[in-house]
Amino acid sequence: MAKAQILLADDDRVIRVTLAKSLRQYDFDVLGASSGNEAVEMGCEMKPDLVIMDFQMPDITGVEAALLLREKADVSCIFLSAYSDEEFVAKAAEAGALGYLVKPIDVQQVLPSIESALQRAAEIRELKQTESQLSTALQQGRETSIAIGILMARYNISSEQAFEMLRSESRNQRKKVGLIAAELVKSVDNVNRFTGDMFDRTNTKPN
């Protein structure tokens, strides 16, 4: 089983190195970032399983970095801070944090929180992937229905015959039926747009 990859973002080098060493003892693959911008850059490139983010960073804040990571890379975070007051916890929650750790960190004590965050992050990624696949399937299903209607009207054939035309073209081009349907719908839309624009220009009288 592959090691879980954690990106540790903290501008304090001593904390970063010490915590990374402790995490590696528990068989985590640990990357390091010394600023919020570096964390965003590395997170978008490496797509780690989890980011442990210091709240206070020298450029952008940990909250800003976490929001960017969630938006650009679908990467989840837990926060590190020397404070545990309600304001910091609330800001972490608003940024979608999966956990909140208070310095100094004893890895053995917070390990359950880290493992829980890793599991939750994996569940979120799986859910988003499923939603994306479902959205794609629904869109392709819609376009297939439209394409069948176009072929039925164009050739005066049944829906079964129209679908068979799509399936035959799918085999010929070695593409999925949904992609063939999408291309057909797009080409018809382009023709309709072109003829509509041409009609408007033809019927527009000069002042």
Foldseek 3Di string as FASTA:
>chain_A
DDAAEEEEEALPPVLQVVVCVVVVVVVHHYHYHNFLVRCLVCCLVVVGLEYEEEQCGDPDGSLVSLLSSCVRPVHAYEYEYQDDDPVVVVSCVVSVHQYYYHPPDDCVVCVVSVVVRSVVSVVSVVVVVVVVVVVLVVQLVVLLVVQLVVCCVVVVDDSVVSLVVLVVVCVVVVHDSSVSSVVSVVVVVVVVVVVVVVVCVVPDDDD
